[in-house]
C-alpha atoms as a PDB file:
ATOM      1  CA  UNK A   1      11.629   5.908  13.566  1.00  0.00           C
ATOM      2  CA  UNK A   2       8.186   6.860  12.290  1.00  0.00           C
ATOM      3  CA  UNK A   3       5.089   4.876  11.314  1.00  0.00           C
ATOM      4  CA  UNK A   4       3.965   5.423   7.723  1.00  0.00           C
ATOM      5  CA  UNK A   5       0.362   4.540   6.758  1.00  0.00           C
ATOM      6  CA  UNK A   6      -1.070   4.595   3.224  1.00  0.00           C
ATOM      7  CA  UNK A   7      -4.617   3.597   2.206  1.00  0.00           C
ATOM      8  CA  UNK A   8      -5.521   2.146  -1.201  1.00  0.00           C
ATOM      9  CA  UNK A   9      -8.846   0.940  -2.612  1.00  0.00           C
ATOM     10  CA  UNK A  10      -9.034  -1.943  -5.064  1.00  0.00           C
ATOM     11  CA  UNK A  11     -11.888  -3.714  -6.767  1.00  0.00           C
ATOM     12  CA  UNK A  12     -13.204  -6.466  -4.532  1.00  0.00           C
ATOM     13  CA  UNK A  13     -12.054  -9.386  -6.685  1.00  0.00           C
ATOM     14  CA  UNK A  14      -8.444  -8.210  -6.559  1.00  0.00           C
ATOM     15  CA  UNK A  15      -7.219  -9.379  -3.137  1.00  0.00           C
ATOM     16  CA  UNK A  16      -3.903 -10.261  -4.831  1.00  0.00           C
ATOM     17  CA  UNK A  17      -3.078  -6.591  -4.333  1.00  0.00           C
ATOM     18  CA  UNK A  18      -2.362  -7.249  -0.630  1.00  0.00           C
ATOM     19  CA  UNK A  19       0.714  -9.300  -1.500  1.00  0.00           C
ATOM     20  CA  UNK A  20       1.924  -6.893  -4.176  1.00  0.00           C
ATOM     21  CA  UNK A  21       1.676  -3.873  -1.894  1.00  0.00           C
ATOM     22  CA  UNK A  22       3.397  -5.620   1.011  1.00  0.00           C
ATOM     23  CA  UNK A  23       6.249  -6.654  -1.308  1.00  0.00           C
ATOM     24  CA  UNK A  24       6.481  -3.060  -2.547  1.00  0.00           C
ATOM     25  CA  UNK A  25       7.239  -1.921   0.998  1.00  0.00           C
ATOM     26  CA  UNK A  26       9.507  -4.879   1.808  1.00  0.00           C
ATOM     27  CA  UNK A  27      11.660  -4.248  -1.274  1.00  0.00           C
ATOM     28  CA  UNK A  28      12.312  -0.579  -0.497  1.00  0.00           C
ATOM     29  CA  UNK A  29      15.406   0.133   1.612  1.00  0.00           C
ATOM     30  CA  UNK A  30      13.597   3.000   3.377  1.00  0.00           C
ATOM     31  CA  UNK A  31      11.133   0.550   4.916  1.00  0.00           C
ATOM     32  CA  UNK A  32      12.499  -0.809   8.191  1.00  0.00           C
ATOM     33  CA  UNK A  33      12.474  -4.588   8.559  1.00  0.00           C
ATOM     34  CA  UNK A  34      11.400  -4.521  12.213  1.00  0.00           C
ATOM     35  CA  UNK A  35       8.534  -4.101  12.712  1.00  0.00           C
ATOM     36  CA  UNK A  36       7.769  -5.778   9.398  1.00  0.00           C
ATOM     37  CA  UNK A  37       5.619  -4.018   6.759  1.00  0.00           C
ATOM     38  CA  UNK A  38       1.942  -4.992   6.831  1.00  0.00           C
ATOM     39  CA  UNK A  39      -1.030  -4.877   4.496  1.00  0.00           C
ATOM     40  CA  UNK A  40      -4.497  -5.224   6.001  1.00  0.00           C
ATOM     41  CA  UNK A  41      -8.043  -5.204   4.682  1.00  0.00           C
ATOM     42  CA  UNK A  42      -9.631  -2.290   6.519  1.00  0.00           C
ATOM     43  CA  UNK A  43     -13.073  -2.126   4.899  1.00  0.00           C
ATOM     44  CA  UNK A  44     -15.197  -4.265   2.602  1.00  0.00           C
ATOM     45  CA  UNK A  45     -17.322  -1.965   0.481  1.00  0.00           C
ATOM     46  CA  UNK A  46     -20.018  -2.763  -2.060  1.00  0.00           C
ATOM     47  CA  UNK A  47     -17.555  -2.496  -4.949  1.00  0.00           C
ATOM     48  CA  UNK A  48     -14.129  -2.196  -3.355  1.00  0.00           C
ATOM     49  CA  UNK A  49     -11.733  -3.427  -0.715  1.00  0.00           C
ATOM     50  CA  UNK A  50      -9.845  -0.763   1.228  1.00  0.00           C
ATOM     51  CA  UNK A  51      -6.267  -1.871   1.842  1.00  0.00           C
ATOM     52  CA  UNK A  52      -4.174  -0.272   4.570  1.00  0.00           C
ATOM     53  CA  UNK A  53      -0.401  -0.327   4.068  1.00  0.00           C
ATOM     54  CA  UNK A  54       1.794   0.153   7.145  1.00  0.00           C
ATOM     55  CA  UNK A  55       5.546   0.240   7.533  1.00  0.00           C
ATOM     56  CA  UNK A  56       8.128   2.036   9.624  1.00  0.00           C
ATOM     57  CA  UNK A  57      10.849   4.295   8.292  1.00  0.00           C
ATOM     58  CA  UNK A  58      13.459   6.712   9.567  1.00  0.00           C
ATOM     59  CA  UNK A  59      11.951  10.121  10.350  1.00  0.00           C
ATOM     60  CA  UNK A  60      14.161  11.820   7.743  1.00  0.00           C
ATOM     61  CA  UNK A  61      12.740   9.578   4.985  1.00  0.00           C
ATOM     62  CA  UNK A  62       9.072   9.987   5.933  1.00  0.00           C
ATOM     63  CA  UNK A  63       7.771  12.658   3.513  1.00  0.00           C
ATOM     64  CA  UNK A  64       9.614  11.492   0.406  1.00  0.00           C
ATOM     65  CA  UNK A  65       8.851   7.833   1.139  1.00  0.00           C
ATOM     66  CA  UNK A  66       5.137   8.549   1.700  1.00  0.00           C
ATOM     67  CA  UNK A  67       4.865  10.327  -1.663  1.00  0.00           C
ATOM     68  CA  UNK A  68       6.793   7.489  -3.315  1.00  0.00           C
ATOM     69  CA  UNK A  69       4.560   4.777  -1.807  1.00  0.00           C
ATOM     70  CA  UNK A  70       1.356   6.463  -2.971  1.00  0.00           C
ATOM     71  CA  UNK A  71       2.660   6.714  -6.538  1.00  0.00           C
ATOM     72  CA  UNK A  72       4.283   3.273  -6.513  1.00  0.00           C
ATOM     73  CA  UNK A  73       1.124   1.625  -5.123  1.00  0.00           C
ATOM     74  CA  UNK A  74      -0.935   2.998  -8.027  1.00  0.00           C
ATOM     75  CA  UNK A  75       1.716   1.965 -10.577  1.00  0.00           C
ATOM     76  CA  UNK A  76       2.054  -1.520  -9.040  1.00  0.00           C
ATOM     77  CA  UNK A  77      -1.681  -2.181  -9.163  1.00  0.00           C
ATOM     78  CA  UNK A  78      -1.899  -0.810 -12.724  1.00  0.00           C
ATOM     79  CA  UNK A  79       0.975  -3.006 -13.959  1.00  0.00           C
ATOM     80  CA  UNK A  80      -0.694  -6.063 -12.413  1.00  0.00           C
ATOM     81  CA  UNK A  81      -3.965  -5.201 -14.165  1.00  0.00           C
ATOM     82  CA  UNK A  82      -5.710  -4.518 -10.861  1.00  0.00           C
ATOM     83  CA  UNK A  83      -8.195  -1.661 -11.008  1.00  0.00           C
ATOM     84  CA  UNK A  84      -8.868   1.082  -8.518  1.00  0.00           C
ATOM     85  CA  UNK A  85     -12.618   1.772  -8.255  1.00  0.00           C
ATOM     86  CA  UNK A  86     -14.005   5.134  -9.294  1.00  0.00           C
ATOM     87  CA  UNK A  87     -17.272   6.644  -8.024  1.00  0.00           C
ATOM     88  CA  UNK A  88     -20.224   5.752 -10.200  1.00  0.00           C
END
């Protein structure tokens, strides 16, 4: 069993992303149910909220699942119309 952490930034008005990203992990069979997946606000910036995603997976799934979660997190936020901030 291995802990998998992924960080995502979203525009500050889009806290809805916490729920979407947690559900993304919960709905993937590679994410272990115990301990349960978590999403946490790690940092409140001037124009963004940094969201930390954490779940546990089997060690053999770690690399592929990590790559999948990064891509799926971006796609999930895009489909929901939630923007990722870009440097100004």
